[in-house]
Amino acid sequence: MRTLCASTLVGEFLVIGFASLVAVRLGELPAGTVWAVGGTAMALCLLLCGMLGRPGALQLGWALQAGLIASGFVVPAMFFLGALFAGLWWASIHFGRVIDEAKTRRAAGAGAA
């Protein structure tokens, strides 16, 4: 699960960076504000990559997904991209757990043989 979730977070890191560039170009908000919020979100993505095994990391990831969707009020394309990454986040958690359970069963089977 950690590998899939970390991959999603790295993708989000890039998307947030590019969305911040678009938001600065639109000029509706001061560049300092855009980079403070965008930079914090980018740092959170990287921090979460290292925290994925700890309690509360997945919930913090969901909060990041909500923030990504809400950023659509500044860059409208982020409504779509935020929803897309929320779906990827769900899939990373769901299928990551399925893969982890299969690995555990395989290891138990190999240990019994």
C-alpha atoms as a PDB file:
ATOM      1  CA  MET A   1       0.000   0.000   0.000  1.00  0.00           C
ATOM      2  CA  ARG A   2       2.803   2.386   0.849  1.00  0.00           C
ATOM      3  CA  THR A   3       4.289   2.195  -2.644  1.00  0.00           C
ATOM      4  CA  LEU A   4       0.998   2.962  -4.389  1.00  0.00           C
ATOM      5  CA  CYS A   5       0.135   5.797  -2.018  1.00  0.00           C
ATOM      6  CA  ALA A   6       3.615   7.294  -2.305  1.00  0.00           C
ATOM      7  CA  SER A   7       3.355   7.189  -6.110  1.00  0.00           C
ATOM      8  CA  THR A   8       0.065   9.055  -5.951  1.00  0.00           C
ATOM      9  CA  LEU A   9       1.575  11.662  -3.627  1.00  0.00           C
ATOM     10  CA  VAL A  10       4.550  12.235  -5.929  1.00  0.00           C
ATOM     11  CA  GLY A  11       2.133  12.787  -8.816  1.00  0.00           C
ATOM     12  CA  GLU A  12       0.209  15.250  -6.679  1.00  0.00           C
ATOM     13  CA  PHE A  13       3.438  17.041  -5.816  1.00  0.00           C
ATOM     14  CA  LEU A  14       4.013  17.701  -9.510  1.00  0.00           C
ATOM     15  CA  VAL A  15       0.414  18.703 -10.210  1.00  0.00           C
ATOM     16  CA  ILE A  16       0.370  21.127  -7.277  1.00  0.00           C
ATOM     17  CA  GLY A  17       3.582  22.708  -8.537  1.00  0.00           C
ATOM     18  CA  PHE A  18       2.186  23.176 -12.044  1.00  0.00           C
ATOM     19  CA  ALA A  19      -1.163  24.427 -10.684  1.00  0.00           C
ATOM     20  CA  SER A  20       0.730  26.979  -8.581  1.00  0.00           C
ATOM     21  CA  LEU A  21       2.453  28.238 -11.724  1.00  0.00           C
ATOM     22  CA  VAL A  22      -0.951  28.613 -13.400  1.00  0.00           C
ATOM     23  CA  ALA A  23      -2.391  30.393 -10.352  1.00  0.00           C
ATOM     24  CA  VAL A  24       0.502  32.871 -10.335  1.00  0.00           C
ATOM     25  CA  ARG A  25       0.008  33.488 -14.052  1.00  0.00           C
ATOM     26  CA  LEU A  26      -3.720  34.129 -13.545  1.00  0.00           C
ATOM     27  CA  GLY A  27      -2.725  36.873 -11.118  1.00  0.00           C
ATOM     28  CA  GLU A  28      -5.889  36.828  -9.006  1.00  0.00           C
ATOM     29  CA  LEU A  29      -3.877  36.176  -5.838  1.00  0.00           C
ATOM     30  CA  PRO A  30      -0.482  37.536  -4.796  1.00  0.00           C
ATOM     31  CA  ALA A  31       2.367  35.265  -5.896  1.00  0.00           C
ATOM     32  CA  GLY A  32       3.622  34.996  -2.307  1.00  0.00           C
ATOM     33  CA  THR A  33       0.275  33.644  -1.140  1.00  0.00           C
ATOM     34  CA  VAL A  34       0.077  31.158  -3.994  1.00  0.00           C
ATOM     35  CA  TRP A  35       3.567  29.821  -3.307  1.00  0.00           C
ATOM     36  CA  ALA A  36       3.037  29.736   0.457  1.00  0.00           C
ATOM     37  CA  VAL A  37      -0.074  27.582   0.058  1.00  0.00           C
ATOM     38  CA  GLY A  38       1.234  25.570  -2.894  1.00  0.00           C
ATOM     39  CA  GLY A  39       4.648  25.056  -1.319  1.00  0.00           C
ATOM     40  CA  THR A  40       3.075  23.908   1.938  1.00  0.00           C
ATOM     41  CA  ALA A  41       0.890  21.432   0.052  1.00  0.00           C
ATOM     42  CA  MET A  42       3.908  20.191  -1.929  1.00  0.00           C
ATOM     43  CA  ALA A  43       5.911  19.759   1.273  1.00  0.00           C
ATOM     44  CA  LEU A  44       2.981  17.900   2.819  1.00  0.00           C
ATOM     45  CA  CYS A  45       2.978  15.491  -0.141  1.00  0.00           C
ATOM     46  CA  LEU A  46       6.641  14.673   0.417  1.00  0.00           C
ATOM     47  CA  LEU A  47       6.230  14.469   4.186  1.00  0.00           C
ATOM     48  CA  LEU A  48       3.305  12.082   3.792  1.00  0.00           C
ATOM     49  CA  CYS A  49       5.415   9.796   1.595  1.00  0.00           C
ATOM     50  CA  GLY A  50       7.606   9.143   4.627  1.00  0.00           C
ATOM     51  CA  MET A  51       4.731   8.962   7.097  1.00  0.00           C
ATOM     52  CA  LEU A  52       2.591   6.385   5.300  1.00  0.00           C
ATOM     53  CA  GLY A  53       3.250   3.649   7.857  1.00  0.00           C
ATOM     54  CA  ARG A  54       2.223   5.848  10.781  1.00  0.00           C
ATOM     55  CA  PRO A  55      -1.233   6.293  12.288  1.00  0.00           C
ATOM     56  CA  GLY A  56      -3.194   9.209  10.879  1.00  0.00           C
ATOM     57  CA  ALA A  57      -1.210   9.455   7.645  1.00  0.00           C
ATOM     58  CA  LEU A  58      -4.063   8.167   5.485  1.00  0.00           C
ATOM     59  CA  GLN A  59      -6.492  10.627   7.072  1.00  0.00           C
ATOM     60  CA  LEU A  60      -4.045  13.451   6.459  1.00  0.00           C
ATOM     61  CA  GLY A  61      -3.851  12.250   2.864  1.00  0.00           C
ATOM     62  CA  TRP A  62      -7.639  12.525   2.589  1.00  0.00           C
ATOM     63  CA  ALA A  63      -7.435  16.089   3.933  1.00  0.00           C
ATOM     64  CA  LEU A  64      -4.848  16.828   1.251  1.00  0.00           C
ATOM     65  CA  GLN A  65      -7.235  15.446  -1.371  1.00  0.00           C
ATOM     66  CA  ALA A  66     -10.012  17.743  -0.109  1.00  0.00           C
ATOM     67  CA  GLY A  67      -7.635  20.711  -0.299  1.00  0.00           C
ATOM     68  CA  LEU A  68      -6.649  19.754  -3.815  1.00  0.00           C
ATOM     69  CA  ILE A  69     -10.284  19.706  -4.902  1.00  0.00           C
ATOM     70  CA  ALA A  70     -10.925  23.029  -3.132  1.00  0.00           C
ATOM     71  CA  SER A  71      -8.041  24.586  -5.059  1.00  0.00           C
ATOM     72  CA  GLY A  72     -10.401  24.465  -8.026  1.00  0.00           C
ATOM     73  CA  PHE A  73     -11.793  27.776  -6.810  1.00  0.00           C
ATOM     74  CA  VAL A  74      -8.470  29.349  -7.841  1.00  0.00           C
ATOM     75  CA  VAL A  75      -7.601  27.156 -10.847  1.00  0.00           C
ATOM     76  CA  PRO A  76     -10.848  25.617 -12.174  1.00  0.00           C
ATOM     77  CA  ALA A  77      -9.095  22.621 -13.767  1.00  0.00           C
ATOM     78  CA  MET A  78      -8.173  21.511 -10.246  1.00  0.00           C
ATOM     79  CA  PHE A  79     -11.766  20.474  -9.575  1.00  0.00           C
ATOM     80  CA  PHE A  80     -11.273  17.715 -12.135  1.00  0.00           C
ATOM     81  CA  LEU A  81      -7.653  16.936 -11.225  1.00  0.00           C
ATOM     82  CA  GLY A  82      -8.441  16.966  -7.506  1.00  0.00           C
ATOM     83  CA  ALA A  83     -11.295  14.517  -8.003  1.00  0.00           C
ATOM     84  CA  LEU A  84      -9.031  12.373 -10.184  1.00  0.00           C
ATOM     85  CA  PHE A  85      -6.331  12.262  -7.511  1.00  0.00           C
ATOM     86  CA  ALA A  86      -8.908  11.559  -4.791  1.00  0.00           C
ATOM     87  CA  GLY A  87      -9.961   8.537  -6.837  1.00  0.00           C
ATOM     88  CA  LEU A  88      -6.330   7.506  -7.234  1.00  0.00           C
ATOM     89  CA  TRP A  89      -5.805   7.931  -3.488  1.00  0.00           C
ATOM     90  CA  TRP A  90      -8.787   5.674  -2.773  1.00  0.00           C
ATOM     91  CA  ALA A  91      -7.562   3.101  -5.308  1.00  0.00           C
ATOM     92  CA  SER A  92      -4.040   3.209  -3.853  1.00  0.00           C
ATOM     93  CA  ILE A  93      -5.373   2.481  -0.383  1.00  0.00           C
ATOM     94  CA  HIS A  94      -7.897  -0.149  -1.482  1.00  0.00           C
ATOM     95  CA  PHE A  95      -5.741  -2.101  -3.916  1.00  0.00           C
ATOM     96  CA  GLY A  96      -2.636  -1.593  -1.792  1.00  0.00           C
ATOM     97  CA  ARG A  97      -4.363  -3.408   1.073  1.00  0.00           C
ATOM     98  CA  VAL A  98      -5.447  -6.181  -1.287  1.00  0.00           C
ATOM     99  CA  ILE A  99      -1.849  -6.598  -2.472  1.00  0.00           C
ATOM    100  CA  ASP A 100      -0.514  -6.520   1.095  1.00  0.00           C
ATOM    101  CA  GLU A 101      -2.983  -9.235   2.147  1.00  0.00           C
ATOM    102  CA  ALA A 102      -2.005 -11.395  -0.847  1.00  0.00           C
ATOM    103  CA  LYS A 103       1.680 -11.001   0.046  1.00  0.00           C
ATOM    104  CA  THR A 104       0.935 -11.986   3.641  1.00  0.00           C
ATOM    105  CA  ARG A 105      -0.967 -15.099   2.500  1.00  0.00           C
ATOM    106  CA  ARG A 106       1.830 -16.023   0.115  1.00  0.00           C
ATOM    107  CA  ALA A 107       4.458 -15.607   2.830  1.00  0.00           C
ATOM    108  CA  ALA A 108       2.384 -17.705   5.252  1.00  0.00           C
ATOM    109  CA  GLY A 109       1.982 -20.399   2.599  1.00  0.00           C
ATOM    110  CA  ALA A 110       5.702 -20.402   1.842  1.00  0.00           C
ATOM    111  CA  GLY A 111       6.546 -20.540   5.543  1.00  0.00           C
ATOM    112  CA  ALA A 112       4.254 -23.531   6.117  1.00  0.00           C
ATOM    113  CA  ALA A 113       5.803 -25.456   3.208  1.00  0.00           C
END
